[in-house]
Amino acid sequence: MPTSLAKAKARAIATPSDRITDSGEQIRLGIQPTIVSQSSVPQQTFSGNFDLYGMYLPFLALLCLPHGATTPNYSAVYDKILASQAKHDYTARCFLAPHGTSSSAPPHGRFESAIVLDPMAERPFDITLDAFTYKTLLTFTPTERLSFQAPEHSTPSPGLVGHTGLSLACGIKSSKGVFKIKRVWANEQDGVVKEFFEGFFSFSVCYDSMYRKAGHGNGATGKFKFAFWGVRTMKDNTSKEIGLGPTKLTW
C-alpha cells in the first residue's frame, strides 16, 4: 500500500472550522484528531476499576508539560502514578461495568472521592455513573478544558460520556453532573499493556431540609468539578483488581 494512502487511512481529519456539537462539546479550529495505528496494543475497553488523579496535583502537572516542552509527556506522568499507586493517594476511584455485545458503553458505574463528601455522614458520596454514550470523537467543552493542564493537546478521540448522580436518599433533593473519559496514550512492553486516560468529572448536589437544619447547604448547592488523569487499578496476587468495585461494601 502506498505510504500516502496508509497515512490517509490512519487518521481522521476534523472540519477546518470550529464546531459545537449538540452536547455542547467543541471541536477546535485546526485540530486534527489522529487515530494512531497500534497493532501491538489491545483495543481500548472502558470497563473495570480505575484510579483517578486530579490534573491540579503539582507533582504530576510539572511532569506532564515541563518548561519548554511542546507536547505532553504522558509516559512520565503514567510512571510517576504507578510508582506511588500503592500509597492509595488517588483523588478519586471509579468502576465501569462491562458492556454488552450490542454496545461499547458500560451500562452503569460508580464513583467515589475523598473531596466529594456527604457532610452528614462525613464520608465520600457513593456517586452513580449512568446514561453512558460511546463517542467516536469525544471532546471537552471550553468550560471543562479550563481544568486541563494542556487543553490544546486534548484532541478528539474515542471515549465515554455519562451522567453523575445519587440514588434516592433522605436529605438529598437533587443531584447531577457529567463524567467523561478517554484513552490518550498506550504502550506494550514485555507483554504488559500500559494505558493512560484523561477525563473530566462534575457533580452538584442540592440538600433538602434535613441537611439544611443540620447546617449543611443552607439552600445552596454543593458543586465539585475537576479534570483528571487515570490508570487502571493495581491487582492482587490472584490478578483480581483492587478497586472500587460494583457495589459499596458494608461493615
C-alpha atoms as a PDB file:
ATOM      1  CA  MET A   1       0.000   0.000   0.000  1.00  0.00           C
ATOM      2  CA  PRO A   2       1.468   3.422  -0.915  1.00  0.00           C
ATOM      3  CA  THR A   3       2.706   5.394   2.088  1.00  0.00           C
ATOM      4  CA  SER A   4       0.384   8.331   1.369  1.00  0.00           C
ATOM      5  CA  LEU A   5      -2.671   6.051   1.304  1.00  0.00           C
ATOM      6  CA  ALA A   6      -1.649   4.328   4.542  1.00  0.00           C
ATOM      7  CA  LYS A   7      -1.315   7.667   6.282  1.00  0.00           C
ATOM      8  CA  ALA A   8      -4.688   8.754   4.998  1.00  0.00           C
ATOM      9  CA  LYS A   9      -6.339   5.654   6.436  1.00  0.00           C
ATOM     10  CA  ALA A  10      -4.593   6.100   9.799  1.00  0.00           C
ATOM     11  CA  ARG A  11      -6.088   9.495  10.603  1.00  0.00           C
ATOM     12  CA  ALA A  12      -9.443  11.211  10.746  1.00  0.00           C
ATOM     13  CA  ILE A  13      -9.426  14.910   9.827  1.00  0.00           C
ATOM     14  CA  ALA A  14     -11.761  17.355  11.548  1.00  0.00           C
ATOM     15  CA  THR A  15     -13.527  20.048   9.560  1.00  0.00           C
ATOM     16  CA  PRO A  16     -11.485  23.238   9.103  1.00  0.00           C
ATOM     17  CA  SER A  17     -13.760  25.315  11.312  1.00  0.00           C
ATOM     18  CA  ASP A  18     -14.792  25.240  14.958  1.00  0.00           C
ATOM     19  CA  ARG A  19     -17.912  23.170  15.614  1.00  0.00           C
ATOM     20  CA  ILE A  20     -20.136  22.976  18.676  1.00  0.00           C
ATOM     21  CA  THR A  21     -21.907  19.632  18.981  1.00  0.00           C
ATOM     22  CA  ASP A  22     -25.418  19.098  20.298  1.00  0.00           C
ATOM     23  CA  SER A  23     -23.985  18.208  23.702  1.00  0.00           C
ATOM     24  CA  GLY A  24     -22.013  21.488  23.874  1.00  0.00           C
ATOM     25  CA  GLU A  25     -18.671  19.898  23.045  1.00  0.00           C
ATOM     26  CA  GLN A  26     -16.240  21.884  20.933  1.00  0.00           C
ATOM     27  CA  ILE A  27     -14.016  20.700  18.114  1.00  0.00           C
ATOM     28  CA  ARG A  28     -11.400  23.411  17.861  1.00  0.00           C
ATOM     29  CA  LEU A  29     -10.012  25.129  14.800  1.00  0.00           C
ATOM     30  CA  GLY A  30      -7.082  23.347  13.220  1.00  0.00           C
ATOM     31  CA  ILE A  31      -7.262  20.266  15.475  1.00  0.00           C
ATOM     32  CA  GLN A  32      -6.860  17.048  13.528  1.00  0.00           C
ATOM     33  CA  PRO A  33      -7.868  14.042  15.619  1.00  0.00           C
ATOM     34  CA  THR A  34      -5.442  11.251  14.846  1.00  0.00           C
ATOM     35  CA  ILE A  35      -6.228   7.580  15.131  1.00  0.00           C
ATOM     36  CA  VAL A  36      -2.823   6.026  15.759  1.00  0.00           C
ATOM     37  CA  SER A  37      -2.172   2.559  14.433  1.00  0.00           C
ATOM     38  CA  GLN A  38      -1.112   0.446  17.453  1.00  0.00           C
ATOM     39  CA  SER A  39      -1.223  -3.130  16.235  1.00  0.00           C
ATOM     40  CA  SER A  40       0.552  -4.438  19.349  1.00  0.00           C
ATOM     41  CA  VAL A  41      -1.755  -2.651  21.818  1.00  0.00           C
ATOM     42  CA  PRO A  42      -5.176  -4.222  22.524  1.00  0.00           C
ATOM     43  CA  GLN A  43      -8.253  -2.256  21.566  1.00  0.00           C
ATOM     44  CA  GLN A  44      -9.325   0.028  24.397  1.00  0.00           C
ATOM     45  CA  THR A  45     -12.175  -1.095  26.613  1.00  0.00           C
ATOM     46  CA  PHE A  46     -13.913   1.199  29.062  1.00  0.00           C
ATOM     47  CA  SER A  47     -14.671  -1.205  31.889  1.00  0.00           C
ATOM     48  CA  GLY A  48     -13.182  -2.224  35.213  1.00  0.00           C
ATOM     49  CA  ASN A  49     -11.624  -0.253  38.049  1.00  0.00           C
ATOM     50  CA  PHE A  50      -9.658   2.974  37.648  1.00  0.00           C
ATOM     51  CA  ASP A  51      -7.610   5.194  39.965  1.00  0.00           C
ATOM     52  CA  LEU A  52      -8.021   8.870  39.083  1.00  0.00           C
ATOM     53  CA  TYR A  53      -5.614  11.718  39.861  1.00  0.00           C
ATOM     54  CA  GLY A  54      -6.551  15.398  39.622  1.00  0.00           C
ATOM     55  CA  MET A  55      -4.638  17.306  36.966  1.00  0.00           C
ATOM     56  CA  TYR A  56      -4.197  20.087  39.516  1.00  0.00           C
ATOM     57  CA  LEU A  57      -1.734  17.966  41.563  1.00  0.00           C
ATOM     58  CA  PRO A  58       1.618  19.817  41.316  1.00  0.00           C
ATOM     59  CA  PHE A  59       3.867  16.741  41.298  1.00  0.00           C
ATOM     60  CA  LEU A  60       2.052  15.471  38.183  1.00  0.00           C
ATOM     61  CA  ALA A  61       1.431  18.783  36.424  1.00  0.00           C
ATOM     62  CA  LEU A  62       5.150  19.562  36.255  1.00  0.00           C
ATOM     63  CA  LEU A  63       5.853  16.196  34.632  1.00  0.00           C
ATOM     64  CA  CYS A  64       3.104  16.474  32.042  1.00  0.00           C
ATOM     65  CA  LEU A  65       4.349  19.577  30.308  1.00  0.00           C
ATOM     66  CA  PRO A  66       7.803  20.661  31.580  1.00  0.00           C
ATOM     67  CA  HIS A  67       9.083  24.123  30.770  1.00  0.00           C
ATOM     68  CA  GLY A  68       9.968  24.329  27.098  1.00  0.00           C
ATOM     69  CA  ALA A  69       8.119  21.154  26.113  1.00  0.00           C
ATOM     70  CA  THR A  70       5.750  21.293  23.146  1.00  0.00           C
ATOM     71  CA  THR A  71       3.904  18.003  23.719  1.00  0.00           C
ATOM     72  CA  PRO A  72       2.718  16.291  26.927  1.00  0.00           C
ATOM     73  CA  ASN A  73       4.953  13.590  28.395  1.00  0.00           C
ATOM     74  CA  TYR A  74       2.200  11.102  29.193  1.00  0.00           C
ATOM     75  CA  SER A  75       4.606   8.222  29.833  1.00  0.00           C
ATOM     76  CA  ALA A  76       6.371  10.215  32.575  1.00  0.00           C
ATOM     77  CA  VAL A  77       3.086  11.002  34.321  1.00  0.00           C
ATOM     78  CA  TYR A  78       1.993   7.369  33.975  1.00  0.00           C
ATOM     79  CA  ASP A  79       5.253   6.082  35.500  1.00  0.00           C
ATOM     80  CA  LYS A  80       5.025   8.567  38.382  1.00  0.00           C
ATOM     81  CA  ILE A  81       1.460   7.495  39.190  1.00  0.00           C
ATOM     82  CA  LEU A  82       2.359   3.807  39.122  1.00  0.00           C
ATOM     83  CA  ALA A  83       5.348   4.432  41.377  1.00  0.00           C
ATOM     84  CA  SER A  84       3.049   5.917  44.036  1.00  0.00           C
ATOM     85  CA  GLN A  85      -0.118   3.909  43.348  1.00  0.00           C
ATOM     86  CA  ALA A  86       0.454   1.608  46.325  1.00  0.00           C
ATOM     87  CA  LYS A  87       0.073   4.633  48.630  1.00  0.00           C
ATOM     88  CA  HIS A  88      -3.581   4.945  47.556  1.00  0.00           C
ATOM     89  CA  ASP A  89      -3.207   8.724  47.291  1.00  0.00           C
ATOM     90  CA  TYR A  90      -5.572   8.978  44.336  1.00  0.00           C
ATOM     91  CA  THR A  91      -8.044  11.852  44.019  1.00  0.00           C
ATOM     92  CA  ALA A  92     -10.894   9.503  43.155  1.00  0.00           C
ATOM     93  CA  ARG A  93     -11.768   5.968  42.106  1.00  0.00           C
ATOM     94  CA  CYS A  94     -14.336   4.707  39.652  1.00  0.00           C
ATOM     95  CA  PHE A  95     -15.766   1.429  38.438  1.00  0.00           C
ATOM     96  CA  LEU A  96     -17.270   0.902  34.980  1.00  0.00           C
ATOM     97  CA  ALA A  97     -19.374  -2.198  34.490  1.00  0.00           C
ATOM     98  CA  PRO A  98     -18.581  -4.451  31.486  1.00  0.00           C
ATOM     99  CA  HIS A  99     -20.545  -3.508  28.400  1.00  0.00           C
ATOM    100  CA  GLY A 100     -22.684  -5.927  26.411  1.00  0.00           C
ATOM    101  CA  THR A 101     -22.152  -7.196  22.885  1.00  0.00           C
ATOM    102  CA  SER A 102     -24.539  -4.635  21.408  1.00  0.00           C
ATOM    103  CA  SER A 103     -22.845  -1.538  22.853  1.00  0.00           C
ATOM    104  CA  SER A 104     -19.372  -0.130  23.522  1.00  0.00           C
ATOM    105  CA  ALA A 105     -20.668   1.812  26.537  1.00  0.00           C
ATOM    106  CA  PRO A 106     -20.959   0.360  30.069  1.00  0.00           C
ATOM    107  CA  PRO A 107     -24.494   0.086  31.473  1.00  0.00           C
ATOM    108  CA  HIS A 108     -23.552   1.792  34.728  1.00  0.00           C
ATOM    109  CA  GLY A 109     -20.721   2.567  37.122  1.00  0.00           C
ATOM    110  CA  ARG A 110     -19.667   4.055  40.460  1.00  0.00           C
ATOM    111  CA  PHE A 111     -17.502   6.981  41.533  1.00  0.00           C
ATOM    112  CA  GLU A 112     -16.015   7.912  44.891  1.00  0.00           C
ATOM    113  CA  SER A 113     -13.710  10.721  46.004  1.00  0.00           C
ATOM    114  CA  ALA A 114     -12.488  11.960  49.371  1.00  0.00           C
ATOM    115  CA  ILE A 115     -13.074  15.539  48.220  1.00  0.00           C
ATOM    116  CA  VAL A 116     -16.760  14.894  47.449  1.00  0.00           C
ATOM    117  CA  LEU A 117     -18.057  14.196  50.946  1.00  0.00           C
ATOM    118  CA  ASP A 118     -21.508  13.618  52.349  1.00  0.00           C
ATOM    119  CA  PRO A 119     -21.411  16.292  55.095  1.00  0.00           C
ATOM    120  CA  MET A 120     -23.922  14.464  57.248  1.00  0.00           C
ATOM    121  CA  ALA A 121     -22.218  11.057  57.139  1.00  0.00           C
ATOM    122  CA  GLU A 122     -18.705  12.571  56.879  1.00  0.00           C
ATOM    123  CA  ARG A 123     -17.670  10.032  54.249  1.00  0.00           C
ATOM    124  CA  PRO A 124     -17.494  10.091  50.432  1.00  0.00           C
ATOM    125  CA  PHE A 125     -20.738  10.094  48.490  1.00  0.00           C
ATOM    126  CA  ASP A 126     -21.423   6.832  46.649  1.00  0.00           C
ATOM    127  CA  ILE A 127     -21.934   8.509  43.272  1.00  0.00           C
ATOM    128  CA  THR A 128     -23.655   6.663  40.457  1.00  0.00           C
ATOM    129  CA  LEU A 129     -22.493   6.778  36.843  1.00  0.00           C
ATOM    130  CA  ASP A 130     -25.089   6.025  34.175  1.00  0.00           C
ATOM    131  CA  ALA A 131     -26.608   7.012  30.808  1.00  0.00           C
ATOM    132  CA  PHE A 132     -23.256   6.348  29.120  1.00  0.00           C
ATOM    133  CA  THR A 133     -22.748   7.082  25.447  1.00  0.00           C
ATOM    134  CA  TYR A 134     -19.734   5.923  23.443  1.00  0.00           C
ATOM    135  CA  LYS A 135     -18.304   8.706  21.293  1.00  0.00           C
ATOM    136  CA  THR A 136     -16.012   8.002  18.349  1.00  0.00           C
ATOM    137  CA  LEU A 137     -14.708  11.558  18.774  1.00  0.00           C
ATOM    138  CA  LEU A 138     -15.059  12.612  22.398  1.00  0.00           C
ATOM    139  CA  THR A 139     -14.241  16.259  23.115  1.00  0.00           C
ATOM    140  CA  PHE A 140     -14.499  18.583  26.091  1.00  0.00           C
ATOM    141  CA  THR A 141     -16.400  21.850  26.356  1.00  0.00           C
ATOM    142  CA  PRO A 142     -14.498  25.150  26.718  1.00  0.00           C
ATOM    143  CA  THR A 143     -15.505  25.285  30.401  1.00  0.00           C
ATOM    144  CA  GLU A 144     -14.277  21.743  31.044  1.00  0.00           C
ATOM    145  CA  ARG A 145     -10.995  22.444  29.277  1.00  0.00           C
ATOM    146  CA  LEU A 146     -10.192  25.211  31.774  1.00  0.00           C
ATOM    147  CA  SER A 147      -9.339  22.446  34.278  1.00  0.00           C
ATOM    148  CA  PHE A 148      -6.842  20.735  31.943  1.00  0.00           C
ATOM    149  CA  GLN A 149      -3.080  21.094  32.198  1.00  0.00           C
ATOM    150  CA  ALA A 150      -2.586  21.027  28.421  1.00  0.00           C
ATOM    151  CA  PRO A 151      -6.023  21.608  26.865  1.00  0.00           C
ATOM    152  CA  GLU A 152      -4.653  22.380  23.409  1.00  0.00           C
ATOM    153  CA  HIS A 153      -3.254  18.837  23.225  1.00  0.00           C
ATOM    154  CA  SER A 154      -6.532  17.126  24.098  1.00  0.00           C
ATOM    155  CA  THR A 155      -7.635  16.183  20.592  1.00  0.00           C
ATOM    156  CA  PRO A 156     -10.923  14.399  19.785  1.00  0.00           C
ATOM    157  CA  SER A 157     -10.677  10.614  20.126  1.00  0.00           C
ATOM    158  CA  PRO A 158     -12.869   7.657  21.194  1.00  0.00           C
ATOM    159  CA  GLY A 159     -14.279   7.870  24.707  1.00  0.00           C
ATOM    160  CA  LEU A 160     -17.277   7.839  27.021  1.00  0.00           C
ATOM    161  CA  VAL A 161     -19.637  10.474  28.348  1.00  0.00           C
ATOM    162  CA  GLY A 162     -22.132   9.753  31.115  1.00  0.00           C
ATOM    163  CA  HIS A 163     -24.096  11.300  33.961  1.00  0.00           C
ATOM    164  CA  THR A 164     -23.218  11.518  37.649  1.00  0.00           C
ATOM    165  CA  GLY A 165     -25.819  11.439  40.409  1.00  0.00           C
ATOM    166  CA  LEU A 166     -27.007   9.898  43.667  1.00  0.00           C
ATOM    167  CA  SER A 167     -29.519   7.191  44.406  1.00  0.00           C
ATOM    168  CA  LEU A 168     -32.648   8.360  46.202  1.00  0.00           C
ATOM    169  CA  ALA A 169     -31.791   9.134  49.819  1.00  0.00           C
ATOM    170  CA  CYS A 170     -33.174  11.125  52.722  1.00  0.00           C
ATOM    171  CA  GLY A 171     -31.932  14.695  52.766  1.00  0.00           C
ATOM    172  CA  ILE A 172     -30.908  14.844  49.095  1.00  0.00           C
ATOM    173  CA  LYS A 173     -33.180  16.992  46.959  1.00  0.00           C
ATOM    174  CA  SER A 174     -31.398  16.595  43.632  1.00  0.00           C
ATOM    175  CA  SER A 175     -28.022  15.803  42.085  1.00  0.00           C
ATOM    176  CA  LYS A 176     -26.481  15.910  38.636  1.00  0.00           C
ATOM    177  CA  GLY A 177     -23.212  16.130  36.757  1.00  0.00           C
ATOM    178  CA  VAL A 178     -21.095  14.705  33.955  1.00  0.00           C
ATOM    179  CA  PHE A 179     -18.341  12.100  33.650  1.00  0.00           C
ATOM    180  CA  LYS A 180     -16.064  11.815  30.609  1.00  0.00           C
ATOM    181  CA  ILE A 181     -13.078   9.561  29.991  1.00  0.00           C
ATOM    182  CA  LYS A 182     -10.863   8.631  27.040  1.00  0.00           C
ATOM    183  CA  ARG A 183      -7.502   6.963  26.476  1.00  0.00           C
ATOM    184  CA  VAL A 184      -4.690   9.312  25.464  1.00  0.00           C
ATOM    185  CA  TRP A 185      -1.659   7.012  25.497  1.00  0.00           C
ATOM    186  CA  ALA A 186      -0.955   3.286  25.364  1.00  0.00           C
ATOM    187  CA  ASN A 187       2.117   1.102  25.089  1.00  0.00           C
ATOM    188  CA  GLU A 188       3.056  -2.553  25.428  1.00  0.00           C
ATOM    189  CA  GLN A 189       6.355  -3.615  26.940  1.00  0.00           C
ATOM    190  CA  ASP A 190       7.385  -7.192  27.698  1.00  0.00           C
ATOM    191  CA  GLY A 191       3.796  -8.361  27.377  1.00  0.00           C
ATOM    192  CA  VAL A 192       2.489  -5.713  29.782  1.00  0.00           C
ATOM    193  CA  VAL A 193      -0.032  -3.219  28.418  1.00  0.00           C
ATOM    194  CA  LYS A 194       0.192   0.321  29.769  1.00  0.00           C
ATOM    195  CA  GLU A 195      -2.827   2.602  29.369  1.00  0.00           C
ATOM    196  CA  PHE A 196      -3.192   6.244  30.333  1.00  0.00           C
ATOM    197  CA  PHE A 197      -6.519   8.086  30.398  1.00  0.00           C
ATOM    198  CA  GLU A 198      -7.777  11.630  30.784  1.00  0.00           C
ATOM    199  CA  GLY A 199     -11.223  12.863  31.683  1.00  0.00           C
ATOM    200  CA  PHE A 200     -13.484  15.295  33.452  1.00  0.00           C
ATOM    201  CA  PHE A 201     -15.836  14.970  36.431  1.00  0.00           C
ATOM    202  CA  SER A 202     -18.526  17.331  37.678  1.00  0.00           C
ATOM    203  CA  PHE A 203     -21.154  16.883  40.348  1.00  0.00           C
ATOM    204  CA  SER A 204     -23.621  19.143  42.095  1.00  0.00           C
ATOM    205  CA  VAL A 205     -25.976  18.265  44.924  1.00  0.00           C
ATOM    206  CA  CYS A 206     -28.848  20.195  46.465  1.00  0.00           C
ATOM    207  CA  TYR A 207     -29.703  19.309  50.076  1.00  0.00           C
ATOM    208  CA  ASP A 208     -33.197  19.040  51.496  1.00  0.00           C
ATOM    209  CA  SER A 209     -34.440  20.380  54.819  1.00  0.00           C
ATOM    210  CA  MET A 210     -32.851  17.592  56.895  1.00  0.00           C
ATOM    211  CA  TYR A 211     -29.337  18.610  55.779  1.00  0.00           C
ATOM    212  CA  ARG A 212     -30.079  22.322  55.963  1.00  0.00           C
ATOM    213  CA  LYS A 213     -31.368  22.045  59.539  1.00  0.00           C
ATOM    214  CA  ALA A 214     -28.087  20.380  60.440  1.00  0.00           C
ATOM    215  CA  GLY A 215     -26.201  23.348  58.967  1.00  0.00           C
ATOM    216  CA  HIS A 216     -25.326  21.786  55.599  1.00  0.00           C
ATOM    217  CA  GLY A 217     -26.208  23.516  52.374  1.00  0.00           C
ATOM    218  CA  ASN A 218     -28.456  26.305  53.648  1.00  0.00           C
ATOM    219  CA  GLY A 219     -30.370  26.027  50.390  1.00  0.00           C
ATOM    220  CA  ALA A 220     -27.220  26.298  48.269  1.00  0.00           C
ATOM    221  CA  THR A 221     -25.819  23.569  46.068  1.00  0.00           C
ATOM    222  CA  GLY A 222     -22.533  21.793  46.695  1.00  0.00           C
ATOM    223  CA  LYS A 223     -20.530  21.868  43.444  1.00  0.00           C
ATOM    224  CA  PHE A 224     -17.456  19.864  42.509  1.00  0.00           C
ATOM    225  CA  LYS A 225     -15.514  19.602  39.256  1.00  0.00           C
ATOM    226  CA  PHE A 226     -12.026  18.666  38.114  1.00  0.00           C
ATOM    227  CA  ALA A 227     -10.110  17.199  35.189  1.00  0.00           C
ATOM    228  CA  PHE A 228      -8.186  14.004  35.891  1.00  0.00           C
ATOM    229  CA  TRP A 229      -5.651  11.510  34.656  1.00  0.00           C
ATOM    230  CA  GLY A 230      -6.487   7.862  35.111  1.00  0.00           C
ATOM    231  CA  VAL A 231      -4.809   4.462  35.240  1.00  0.00           C
ATOM    232  CA  ARG A 232      -6.185   1.012  35.779  1.00  0.00           C
ATOM    233  CA  THR A 233      -6.071  -0.153  39.390  1.00  0.00           C
ATOM    234  CA  MET A 234      -3.481  -2.463  40.872  1.00  0.00           C
ATOM    235  CA  LYS A 235      -4.102  -6.217  41.075  1.00  0.00           C
ATOM    236  CA  ASP A 236      -3.552  -8.636  43.951  1.00  0.00           C
ATOM    237  CA  ASN A 237      -1.556 -11.868  43.728  1.00  0.00           C
ATOM    238  CA  THR A 238      -4.588 -13.613  42.184  1.00  0.00           C
ATOM    239  CA  SER A 239      -4.819 -10.977  39.412  1.00  0.00           C
ATOM    240  CA  LYS A 240      -8.004  -9.535  40.942  1.00  0.00           C
ATOM    241  CA  GLU A 241      -8.372  -5.766  40.618  1.00  0.00           C
ATOM    242  CA  ILE A 242      -8.011  -3.779  43.846  1.00  0.00           C
ATOM    243  CA  GLY A 243     -10.582  -1.070  43.280  1.00  0.00           C
ATOM    244  CA  LEU A 244     -13.962   0.434  43.982  1.00  0.00           C
ATOM    245  CA  GLY A 245     -15.926  -2.473  42.524  1.00  0.00           C
ATOM    246  CA  PRO A 246     -19.578  -2.688  41.515  1.00  0.00           C
ATOM    247  CA  THR A 247     -21.127  -2.411  44.979  1.00  0.00           C
ATOM    248  CA  LYS A 248     -20.451  -0.486  48.161  1.00  0.00           C
ATOM    249  CA  LEU A 249     -19.053  -2.583  50.993  1.00  0.00           C
ATOM    250  CA  THR A 250     -20.959  -2.544  54.257  1.00  0.00           C
ATOM    251  CA  TRP A 251     -19.473  -3.451  57.587  1.00  0.00           C
END
